């Protein structure tokens, strides 16, 4: 395997943009150490309170959140606007679509 092939196979989270740093979410959810099922339930409950177009910032310490939250967004068809895995807690911003 060439060096280029190895580089292409490594997936990294996008770095937050300047716009991401200035985005003010409508609601913040500090999920603490909640994992998988509990984390997605907390997100679901928070998203129910939002109108379409509003945003939810999720702060999570669980390392699996980097997989669980994008999967939840795909399944529910909500937009994952920001993924910041470089911070502790990890930061995600989700926009409600419907």
Foldseek 3Di string as FASTA:
>chain_A
DDPVVVVVVDDDFDADDPVNVPDDAPEEAEPEADDDPVVLVVVVVVLVPDDAFGKYKYFYQHPCCVVRVVVSCVVQVWDWPDWAVPDVRTITMIGHHD
